[in-house]
Amino acid sequence: MTLEKEFQGPTVAWFPAPVVLVSCAYDNVTNIITIAWTGVVCSKPPLISISIRPSRFSYELIINSGEFVINIPTSEQLKETELCGRKSGEDINKWTTCNFTAVEATKVSVPLIKECPVNIECKVVKTLTNMGTHAIFIGEVQEVHIDPLIAPKSVLDIVPLCYSPKSGIFGKSLALSEEI
C-alpha cells in the first residue's frame, strides 16, 4: 500500500533548519538576531551563508559593517534564542535582556557571545539581494572559537537547536531529545 503525500505547493520544506545567533555591530550599535536560514557554502575558502529580511534591524548593521559572528547556542539557551528571533533590537537590548556577555572578537569588529560554546567570525564577501523576501550574506570564516570544555570532546556533543518553518517552533534536535 502506497501512502499518498499531500501537495504543499512551493514552500520552504527544509527541516530541521539549524538555529544560530548572529551578532552584528556598526557605529557603536550591536544586536543579536536568531537565524535559521544558514549553511556552509564552501570549505576552501571556508564560506558560510546567512539569510536575513532587509526589513530586519540587523540587516543594516551587517550591510554597513560587512561583518557578523555566528554564535552556536546550546539547547539550554532555547528561551534566549527564541527571544532574539521574536523581538527587534530596535525595541530591546538583547544582550542585557538575555544576560549575554559581549566579548571582543579577534578578526572582526563584531562581539562574540561568550555564553555560546562556538563562535565563528565572518567577513562578508558577497551579498545577494533581490532574492525574494531575504538577502543572502556569504561570509568568509576569519576565526573559529570553541569553548575549551567542548574542544577536548567534540562539537557534536552540543545538543543543537532547530527550527520548523511549517510550525514556527524552535526546539532541540529531535534526533537527540524528546523535547521540542
N, C-alpha and C. Protein backbone atom coordinates (compact mmCIF):
# COMPACT_ATOMS: atom_id res chain seq x y z
N MET A 1 0.84 -1.18 0.00
CA MET A 1 0.00 0.00 0.00
C MET A 1 0.89 1.25 0.00
N THR A 2 0.63 2.13 -0.90
CA THR A 2 1.40 3.36 -1.00
C THR A 2 0.63 4.49 -0.35
N LEU A 3 1.31 5.20 0.52
CA LEU A 3 0.70 6.34 1.19
C LEU A 3 0.77 7.54 0.25
N GLU A 4 -0.35 8.16 0.01
CA GLU A 4 -0.39 9.35 -0.83
C GLU A 4 0.13 10.53 -0.04
N LYS A 5 0.96 11.32 -0.65
CA LYS A 5 1.50 12.51 0.01
C LYS A 5 0.66 13.72 -0.34
N GLU A 6 0.59 14.64 0.59
CA GLU A 6 -0.15 15.88 0.42
C GLU A 6 0.71 16.88 -0.33
N PHE A 7 0.16 17.56 -1.30
CA PHE A 7 0.88 18.60 -2.02
C PHE A 7 0.85 19.89 -1.22
N GLN A 8 1.98 20.54 -1.07
CA GLN A 8 2.09 21.79 -0.31
C GLN A 8 2.31 23.00 -1.21
N GLY A 9 2.65 22.78 -2.46
CA GLY A 9 3.00 23.89 -3.33
C GLY A 9 4.40 24.38 -2.99
N PRO A 10 4.87 25.44 -3.66
CA PRO A 10 6.21 25.95 -3.38
C PRO A 10 6.28 26.52 -1.97
N THR A 11 7.11 25.92 -1.13
CA THR A 11 7.28 26.36 0.24
C THR A 11 8.64 25.91 0.74
N VAL A 12 9.06 26.44 1.86
CA VAL A 12 10.31 26.01 2.46
C VAL A 12 10.03 24.73 3.23
N ALA A 13 10.60 23.64 2.77
CA ALA A 13 10.36 22.35 3.42
C ALA A 13 11.64 21.81 4.05
N TRP A 14 12.65 22.63 4.16
CA TRP A 14 13.91 22.22 4.75
C TRP A 14 13.72 22.04 6.24
N PHE A 15 13.89 20.81 6.72
CA PHE A 15 13.66 20.54 8.14
C PHE A 15 14.60 19.43 8.59
N PRO A 16 15.20 19.52 9.73
CA PRO A 16 15.18 20.70 10.59
C PRO A 16 16.19 21.73 10.11
N ALA A 17 15.90 22.98 10.35
CA ALA A 17 16.82 24.06 9.99
C ALA A 17 17.66 24.38 11.23
N PRO A 18 18.99 24.39 11.09
CA PRO A 18 19.82 24.72 12.26
C PRO A 18 19.58 26.16 12.70
N VAL A 19 19.63 26.38 13.99
CA VAL A 19 19.39 27.71 14.53
C VAL A 19 20.68 28.26 15.11
N VAL A 20 21.01 29.48 14.72
CA VAL A 20 22.20 30.15 15.25
C VAL A 20 21.82 31.55 15.72
N LEU A 21 22.66 32.11 16.57
CA LEU A 21 22.53 33.50 16.97
C LEU A 21 23.61 34.28 16.23
N VAL A 22 23.21 35.28 15.49
CA VAL A 22 24.17 36.09 14.75
C VAL A 22 24.31 37.44 15.46
N SER A 23 25.54 37.73 15.86
CA SER A 23 25.78 39.06 16.43
C SER A 23 26.30 39.96 15.32
N CYS A 24 25.91 41.22 15.40
CA CYS A 24 26.31 42.19 14.38
C CYS A 24 26.47 43.54 15.06
N ALA A 25 27.23 44.41 14.42
CA ALA A 25 27.50 45.72 15.01
C ALA A 25 27.91 46.70 13.92
N TYR A 26 27.56 47.95 14.17
CA TYR A 26 28.02 49.04 13.31
C TYR A 26 27.83 50.35 14.07
N ASP A 27 28.86 51.19 14.06
CA ASP A 27 28.79 52.53 14.63
C ASP A 27 28.29 52.50 16.09
N ASN A 28 28.90 51.64 16.90
CA ASN A 28 28.58 51.50 18.34
C ASN A 28 27.18 50.97 18.63
N VAL A 29 26.52 50.38 17.64
CA VAL A 29 25.23 49.73 17.84
C VAL A 29 25.45 48.24 17.61
N THR A 30 25.05 47.42 18.59
CA THR A 30 25.18 45.97 18.44
C THR A 30 23.82 45.32 18.56
N ASN A 31 23.71 44.15 17.99
CA ASN A 31 22.45 43.41 18.07
C ASN A 31 22.73 41.92 17.93
N ILE A 32 21.72 41.14 18.26
CA ILE A 32 21.75 39.69 18.09
C ILE A 32 20.45 39.32 17.39
N ILE A 33 20.56 38.50 16.35
CA ILE A 33 19.38 38.03 15.63
C ILE A 33 19.45 36.51 15.52
N THR A 34 18.32 35.86 15.70
CA THR A 34 18.24 34.42 15.52
C THR A 34 18.03 34.14 14.04
N ILE A 35 18.84 33.24 13.52
CA ILE A 35 18.79 32.90 12.10
C ILE A 35 18.64 31.39 11.95
N ALA A 36 17.67 30.97 11.13
CA ALA A 36 17.55 29.56 10.80
C ALA A 36 17.93 29.31 9.34
N TRP A 37 18.03 30.36 8.56
CA TRP A 37 18.43 30.20 7.16
C TRP A 37 19.94 30.43 7.10
N THR A 38 20.69 29.36 7.34
CA THR A 38 22.14 29.42 7.37
C THR A 38 22.73 28.11 6.89
N GLY A 39 23.95 28.17 6.39
CA GLY A 39 24.58 26.92 5.97
C GLY A 39 25.96 27.12 5.39
N VAL A 40 26.67 26.01 5.26
CA VAL A 40 28.01 26.01 4.67
C VAL A 40 27.86 26.19 3.17
N VAL A 41 28.67 27.08 2.62
CA VAL A 41 28.67 27.32 1.18
C VAL A 41 29.86 26.62 0.53
N CYS A 42 31.01 26.67 1.20
CA CYS A 42 32.25 26.15 0.62
C CYS A 42 33.23 25.83 1.75
N SER A 43 34.13 24.86 1.50
CA SER A 43 35.11 24.53 2.53
C SER A 43 36.46 25.21 2.32
N LYS A 44 36.84 25.50 1.08
CA LYS A 44 38.10 26.22 0.81
C LYS A 44 37.84 27.28 -0.25
N PRO A 45 37.78 28.52 0.12
CA PRO A 45 37.88 29.04 1.48
C PRO A 45 36.61 28.72 2.25
N PRO A 46 36.70 28.70 3.59
CA PRO A 46 35.50 28.40 4.37
C PRO A 46 34.49 29.55 4.28
N LEU A 47 33.34 29.26 3.69
CA LEU A 47 32.28 30.25 3.50
C LEU A 47 30.98 29.74 4.12
N ILE A 48 30.29 30.65 4.80
CA ILE A 48 29.01 30.34 5.43
C ILE A 48 28.01 31.41 5.01
N SER A 49 26.77 30.98 4.74
CA SER A 49 25.74 31.95 4.37
C SER A 49 24.73 32.13 5.50
N ILE A 50 24.20 33.34 5.57
CA ILE A 50 23.05 33.63 6.42
C ILE A 50 22.08 34.44 5.57
N SER A 51 20.81 34.23 5.78
CA SER A 51 19.79 34.97 5.03
C SER A 51 18.95 35.78 6.00
N ILE A 52 18.76 37.06 5.67
CA ILE A 52 18.03 37.98 6.53
C ILE A 52 17.09 38.83 5.68
N ARG A 53 15.93 39.08 6.21
CA ARG A 53 15.00 40.00 5.54
C ARG A 53 15.57 41.42 5.63
N PRO A 54 15.54 42.18 4.55
CA PRO A 54 16.03 43.57 4.59
C PRO A 54 15.30 44.46 5.59
N SER A 55 14.10 44.09 6.00
CA SER A 55 13.35 44.89 6.97
C SER A 55 13.85 44.71 8.40
N ARG A 56 14.70 43.73 8.64
CA ARG A 56 15.20 43.46 9.99
C ARG A 56 16.25 44.47 10.41
N PHE A 57 16.28 44.80 11.69
CA PHE A 57 17.21 45.75 12.27
C PHE A 57 18.66 45.35 11.99
N SER A 58 18.96 44.07 12.09
CA SER A 58 20.34 43.57 11.90
C SER A 58 20.83 43.69 10.46
N TYR A 59 19.91 43.72 9.51
CA TYR A 59 20.29 43.78 8.10
C TYR A 59 21.20 44.99 7.82
N GLU A 60 20.76 46.17 8.25
CA GLU A 60 21.55 47.39 8.00
C GLU A 60 22.89 47.36 8.73
N LEU A 61 22.92 46.76 9.92
CA LEU A 61 24.19 46.67 10.65
C LEU A 61 25.20 45.84 9.85
N ILE A 62 24.75 44.74 9.28
CA ILE A 62 25.66 43.88 8.50
C ILE A 62 26.00 44.53 7.17
N ILE A 63 25.03 45.15 6.53
CA ILE A 63 25.31 45.86 5.26
C ILE A 63 26.40 46.90 5.47
N ASN A 64 26.29 47.67 6.55
CA ASN A 64 27.24 48.76 6.80
C ASN A 64 28.59 48.29 7.32
N SER A 65 28.62 47.24 8.12
CA SER A 65 29.90 46.78 8.69
C SER A 65 30.61 45.76 7.81
N GLY A 66 29.84 44.96 7.08
CA GLY A 66 30.43 43.90 6.27
C GLY A 66 30.97 42.75 7.11
N GLU A 67 30.44 42.61 8.33
CA GLU A 67 30.91 41.57 9.24
C GLU A 67 29.75 41.02 10.08
N PHE A 68 29.93 39.80 10.55
CA PHE A 68 28.99 39.20 11.50
C PHE A 68 29.68 38.05 12.20
N VAL A 69 29.10 37.63 13.32
CA VAL A 69 29.60 36.47 14.04
C VAL A 69 28.45 35.49 14.21
N ILE A 70 28.69 34.25 13.82
CA ILE A 70 27.72 33.19 14.05
C ILE A 70 28.06 32.57 15.40
N ASN A 71 27.10 32.58 16.30
CA ASN A 71 27.25 32.02 17.64
C ASN A 71 26.32 30.83 17.73
N ILE A 72 26.85 29.67 18.04
CA ILE A 72 26.03 28.46 18.09
C ILE A 72 25.53 28.27 19.51
N PRO A 73 24.21 28.40 19.70
CA PRO A 73 23.66 28.24 21.05
C PRO A 73 23.49 26.76 21.41
N THR A 74 23.32 26.50 22.68
CA THR A 74 23.03 25.15 23.15
C THR A 74 21.54 25.03 23.44
N SER A 75 21.10 23.82 23.69
CA SER A 75 19.69 23.61 23.99
C SER A 75 19.27 24.33 25.27
N GLU A 76 20.22 24.58 26.17
CA GLU A 76 19.91 25.31 27.40
C GLU A 76 19.60 26.79 27.13
N GLN A 77 19.93 27.27 25.95
CA GLN A 77 19.70 28.67 25.59
C GLN A 77 18.47 28.84 24.69
N LEU A 78 17.55 27.90 24.77
CA LEU A 78 16.36 27.94 23.93
C LEU A 78 15.54 29.21 24.14
N LYS A 79 15.29 29.59 25.40
CA LYS A 79 14.47 30.79 25.68
C LYS A 79 15.11 32.05 25.10
N GLU A 80 16.41 32.19 25.32
CA GLU A 80 17.13 33.38 24.84
C GLU A 80 17.17 33.41 23.31
N THR A 81 17.36 32.23 22.71
CA THR A 81 17.40 32.14 21.25
C THR A 81 16.06 32.51 20.65
N GLU A 82 15.00 32.03 21.25
CA GLU A 82 13.67 32.37 20.75
C GLU A 82 13.39 33.87 20.91
N LEU A 83 13.76 34.45 22.05
CA LEU A 83 13.56 35.88 22.28
C LEU A 83 14.31 36.69 21.22
N CYS A 84 15.55 36.31 20.91
CA CYS A 84 16.34 37.06 19.92
C CYS A 84 15.75 36.97 18.52
N GLY A 85 14.91 35.96 18.29
CA GLY A 85 14.25 35.82 17.00
C GLY A 85 12.90 36.50 16.93
N ARG A 86 12.30 36.70 18.07
CA ARG A 86 10.94 37.25 18.08
C ARG A 86 10.87 38.74 18.41
N LYS A 87 11.91 39.28 19.02
CA LYS A 87 11.94 40.70 19.39
C LYS A 87 12.95 41.44 18.51
N SER A 88 12.67 42.70 18.25
CA SER A 88 13.56 43.51 17.45
C SER A 88 14.59 44.23 18.33
N GLY A 89 15.79 44.34 17.82
CA GLY A 89 16.84 45.10 18.50
C GLY A 89 16.54 46.58 18.55
N GLU A 90 15.56 47.02 17.77
CA GLU A 90 15.13 48.42 17.85
C GLU A 90 14.34 48.67 19.13
N ASP A 91 13.73 47.60 19.66
CA ASP A 91 12.85 47.73 20.82
C ASP A 91 13.51 47.36 22.15
N ILE A 92 14.44 46.40 22.11
CA ILE A 92 15.09 45.96 23.35
C ILE A 92 16.58 45.74 23.13
N ASN A 93 17.33 45.77 24.21
CA ASN A 93 18.74 45.40 24.17
C ASN A 93 18.81 43.91 24.48
N LYS A 94 19.04 43.11 23.47
CA LYS A 94 19.02 41.66 23.63
C LYS A 94 20.19 41.17 24.48
N TRP A 95 21.29 41.88 24.45
CA TRP A 95 22.45 41.49 25.27
C TRP A 95 22.08 41.48 26.75
N THR A 96 21.48 42.57 27.21
CA THR A 96 21.14 42.64 28.64
C THR A 96 19.91 41.81 28.97
N THR A 97 18.92 41.81 28.10
CA THR A 97 17.70 41.04 28.34
C THR A 97 18.02 39.55 28.48
N CYS A 98 18.95 39.05 27.68
CA CYS A 98 19.30 37.62 27.70
C CYS A 98 20.48 37.31 28.62
N ASN A 99 21.02 38.34 29.28
CA ASN A 99 22.21 38.16 30.12
C ASN A 99 23.38 37.58 29.35
N PHE A 100 23.54 38.02 28.10
CA PHE A 100 24.67 37.60 27.29
C PHE A 100 25.84 38.56 27.50
N THR A 101 27.04 38.03 27.44
CA THR A 101 28.25 38.82 27.60
C THR A 101 28.90 39.03 26.24
N ALA A 102 29.10 40.28 25.86
CA ALA A 102 29.78 40.61 24.61
C ALA A 102 31.29 40.51 24.83
N VAL A 103 31.96 39.70 24.00
CA VAL A 103 33.40 39.52 24.09
C VAL A 103 34.02 39.99 22.78
N GLU A 104 35.10 40.73 22.88
CA GLU A 104 35.76 41.24 21.68
C GLU A 104 36.25 40.10 20.80
N ALA A 105 35.97 40.20 19.52
CA ALA A 105 36.44 39.22 18.54
C ALA A 105 37.90 39.49 18.22
N THR A 106 38.55 38.55 17.54
CA THR A 106 39.96 38.71 17.20
C THR A 106 40.20 39.22 15.78
N LYS A 107 39.24 38.97 14.87
CA LYS A 107 39.44 39.32 13.46
C LYS A 107 38.40 40.29 12.91
N VAL A 108 37.27 40.45 13.60
CA VAL A 108 36.23 41.36 13.14
C VAL A 108 35.87 42.30 14.29
N SER A 109 35.10 43.33 13.98
CA SER A 109 34.74 44.32 15.00
C SER A 109 33.40 44.02 15.66
N VAL A 110 32.87 42.84 15.43
CA VAL A 110 31.58 42.42 16.00
C VAL A 110 31.85 41.55 17.22
N PRO A 111 31.13 41.78 18.32
CA PRO A 111 31.38 40.96 19.52
C PRO A 111 30.85 39.53 19.39
N LEU A 112 31.52 38.64 20.12
CA LEU A 112 31.08 37.25 20.26
C LEU A 112 30.14 37.15 21.44
N ILE A 113 29.31 36.14 21.48
CA ILE A 113 28.50 35.86 22.66
C ILE A 113 29.27 34.84 23.49
N LYS A 114 29.77 35.29 24.64
CA LYS A 114 30.60 34.45 25.49
C LYS A 114 29.90 33.15 25.88
N GLU A 115 28.61 33.20 26.15
CA GLU A 115 27.87 32.05 26.65
C GLU A 115 27.64 30.96 25.59
N CYS A 116 27.88 31.26 24.33
CA CYS A 116 27.74 30.25 23.27
C CYS A 116 29.06 29.49 23.14
N PRO A 117 29.02 28.16 23.06
CA PRO A 117 30.25 27.37 23.04
C PRO A 117 31.07 27.47 21.76
N VAL A 118 30.44 27.90 20.67
CA VAL A 118 31.15 28.05 19.39
C VAL A 118 30.80 29.41 18.80
N ASN A 119 31.84 30.12 18.35
CA ASN A 119 31.66 31.44 17.72
C ASN A 119 32.47 31.44 16.43
N ILE A 120 31.87 31.92 15.35
CA ILE A 120 32.52 31.93 14.04
C ILE A 120 32.53 33.35 13.50
N GLU A 121 33.72 33.94 13.46
CA GLU A 121 33.87 35.31 12.95
C GLU A 121 33.87 35.28 11.42
N CYS A 122 33.07 36.15 10.81
CA CYS A 122 32.94 36.17 9.35
C CYS A 122 33.03 37.59 8.79
N LYS A 123 33.64 37.69 7.62
CA LYS A 123 33.63 38.93 6.83
C LYS A 123 32.80 38.65 5.58
N VAL A 124 31.89 39.56 5.27
CA VAL A 124 31.03 39.40 4.10
C VAL A 124 31.88 39.51 2.83
N VAL A 125 31.77 38.50 1.98
CA VAL A 125 32.47 38.53 0.69
C VAL A 125 31.50 38.71 -0.47
N LYS A 126 30.22 38.44 -0.22
CA LYS A 126 29.22 38.63 -1.25
C LYS A 126 27.85 38.79 -0.61
N THR A 127 27.07 39.69 -1.17
CA THR A 127 25.70 39.90 -0.73
C THR A 127 24.79 39.71 -1.93
N LEU A 128 23.82 38.84 -1.79
CA LEU A 128 22.86 38.61 -2.87
C LEU A 128 21.52 39.23 -2.45
N THR A 129 21.11 40.23 -3.18
CA THR A 129 19.83 40.89 -2.90
C THR A 129 18.84 40.50 -3.98
N ASN A 130 17.64 40.97 -3.86
CA ASN A 130 16.57 40.65 -4.82
C ASN A 130 16.38 39.15 -4.96
N MET A 131 16.46 38.45 -3.84
CA MET A 131 16.28 37.00 -3.83
C MET A 131 14.86 36.64 -3.40
N GLY A 132 14.02 37.62 -3.26
CA GLY A 132 12.68 37.40 -2.71
C GLY A 132 12.61 38.10 -1.37
N THR A 133 12.13 37.41 -0.35
CA THR A 133 11.93 38.03 0.95
C THR A 133 13.24 38.25 1.71
N HIS A 134 14.30 37.54 1.34
CA HIS A 134 15.56 37.59 2.08
C HIS A 134 16.73 38.00 1.20
N ALA A 135 17.73 38.59 1.85
CA ALA A 135 19.03 38.82 1.21
C ALA A 135 19.98 37.77 1.79
N ILE A 136 20.93 37.36 1.01
CA ILE A 136 21.89 36.35 1.45
C ILE A 136 23.25 37.00 1.62
N PHE A 137 23.82 36.85 2.81
CA PHE A 137 25.18 37.29 3.08
C PHE A 137 26.07 36.06 3.09
N ILE A 138 27.11 36.08 2.27
CA ILE A 138 28.09 35.00 2.30
C ILE A 138 29.31 35.54 3.01
N GLY A 139 29.65 34.89 4.11
CA GLY A 139 30.76 35.33 4.94
C GLY A 139 31.92 34.36 4.88
N GLU A 140 33.13 34.90 4.73
CA GLU A 140 34.32 34.06 4.80
C GLU A 140 34.74 33.96 6.26
N VAL A 141 34.93 32.73 6.71
CA VAL A 141 35.30 32.49 8.10
C VAL A 141 36.70 33.04 8.35
N GLN A 142 36.81 33.90 9.37
CA GLN A 142 38.09 34.51 9.73
C GLN A 142 38.72 33.80 10.93
N GLU A 143 37.87 33.34 11.84
CA GLU A 143 38.35 32.66 13.05
C GLU A 143 37.19 31.88 13.65
N VAL A 144 37.52 30.76 14.29
CA VAL A 144 36.54 29.96 15.00
C VAL A 144 37.00 29.82 16.45
N HIS A 145 36.09 30.09 17.37
CA HIS A 145 36.37 29.96 18.81
C HIS A 145 35.53 28.80 19.35
N ILE A 146 36.17 27.86 20.03
CA ILE A 146 35.45 26.74 20.62
C ILE A 146 35.77 26.70 22.11
N ASP A 147 34.72 26.62 22.93
CA ASP A 147 34.88 26.56 24.37
C ASP A 147 35.80 25.40 24.73
N PRO A 148 36.80 25.64 25.60
CA PRO A 148 37.74 24.58 25.95
C PRO A 148 37.08 23.37 26.60
N LEU A 149 35.90 23.54 27.17
CA LEU A 149 35.19 22.39 27.74
C LEU A 149 34.62 21.49 26.64
N ILE A 150 34.40 22.08 25.47
CA ILE A 150 33.87 21.33 24.33
C ILE A 150 35.01 20.75 23.50
N ALA A 151 36.07 21.54 23.30
CA ALA A 151 37.16 21.19 22.38
C ALA A 151 37.76 19.80 22.61
N PRO A 152 38.03 19.38 23.86
CA PRO A 152 38.62 18.04 24.02
C PRO A 152 37.67 16.93 23.57
N LYS A 153 36.38 17.21 23.63
CA LYS A 153 35.39 16.22 23.21
C LYS A 153 35.12 16.45 21.72
N SER A 154 33.96 16.99 21.45
CA SER A 154 33.57 17.25 20.07
C SER A 154 32.43 18.24 20.07
N VAL A 155 32.37 19.08 19.05
CA VAL A 155 31.23 19.99 18.93
C VAL A 155 29.96 19.19 18.70
N LEU A 156 30.10 17.93 18.35
CA LEU A 156 28.93 17.08 18.18
C LEU A 156 28.26 16.76 19.51
N ASP A 157 28.94 17.04 20.63
CA ASP A 157 28.35 16.83 21.95
C ASP A 157 27.35 17.92 22.30
N ILE A 158 27.31 18.99 21.54
CA ILE A 158 26.35 20.07 21.77
C ILE A 158 24.99 19.61 21.25
N VAL A 159 23.95 19.75 22.06
CA VAL A 159 22.60 19.46 21.58
C VAL A 159 22.13 20.70 20.84
N PRO A 160 22.05 20.61 19.51
CA PRO A 160 21.72 21.81 18.72
C PRO A 160 20.24 22.17 18.79
N LEU A 161 19.98 23.41 18.45
CA LEU A 161 18.60 23.87 18.32
C LEU A 161 18.22 23.82 16.85
N CYS A 162 16.94 23.61 16.59
CA CYS A 162 16.47 23.61 15.22
C CYS A 162 15.16 24.39 15.14
N TYR A 163 14.74 24.66 13.93
CA TYR A 163 13.53 25.45 13.68
C TYR A 163 12.70 24.71 12.65
N SER A 164 11.41 24.68 12.87
CA SER A 164 10.49 24.08 11.92
C SER A 164 9.74 25.20 11.19
N PRO A 165 10.05 25.42 9.90
CA PRO A 165 9.40 26.52 9.17
C PRO A 165 7.88 26.37 9.10
N LYS A 166 7.39 25.15 9.02
CA LYS A 166 5.95 24.92 8.89
C LYS A 166 5.20 25.34 10.16
N SER A 167 5.76 24.98 11.33
CA SER A 167 5.07 25.27 12.58
C SER A 167 5.54 26.55 13.25
N GLY A 168 6.75 27.03 12.87
CA GLY A 168 7.30 28.21 13.52
C GLY A 168 7.83 27.92 14.91
N ILE A 169 8.13 26.65 15.20
CA ILE A 169 8.57 26.25 16.53
C ILE A 169 10.09 26.08 16.57
N PHE A 170 10.71 26.62 17.63
CA PHE A 170 12.10 26.38 17.93
C PHE A 170 12.16 25.19 18.87
N GLY A 171 13.18 24.36 18.74
CA GLY A 171 13.30 23.25 19.67
C GLY A 171 14.64 22.58 19.60
N LYS A 172 14.82 21.61 20.47
CA LYS A 172 16.05 20.82 20.45
C LYS A 172 15.98 19.86 19.28
N SER A 173 17.13 19.43 18.83
CA SER A 173 17.18 18.47 17.75
C SER A 173 16.40 17.22 18.14
N LEU A 174 15.47 16.82 17.31
CA LEU A 174 14.62 15.67 17.61
C LEU A 174 15.45 14.38 17.69
N ALA A 175 16.54 14.34 16.98
CA ALA A 175 17.38 13.14 17.00
C ALA A 175 18.04 12.94 18.35
N LEU A 176 18.17 14.01 19.12
CA LEU A 176 18.88 13.93 20.38
C LEU A 176 18.00 14.16 21.60
N SER A 177 16.75 14.53 21.40
CA SER A 177 15.92 14.89 22.53
C SER A 177 14.45 14.60 22.23
N GLU A 178 13.71 14.34 23.28
CA GLU A 178 12.27 14.15 23.12
C GLU A 178 11.53 15.48 23.15
N GLU A 179 12.17 16.50 23.68
CA GLU A 179 11.53 17.80 23.85
C GLU A 179 11.59 18.61 22.56
N ILE A 180 10.53 19.35 22.30
CA ILE A 180 10.56 20.32 21.19
C ILE A 180 9.90 21.60 21.62
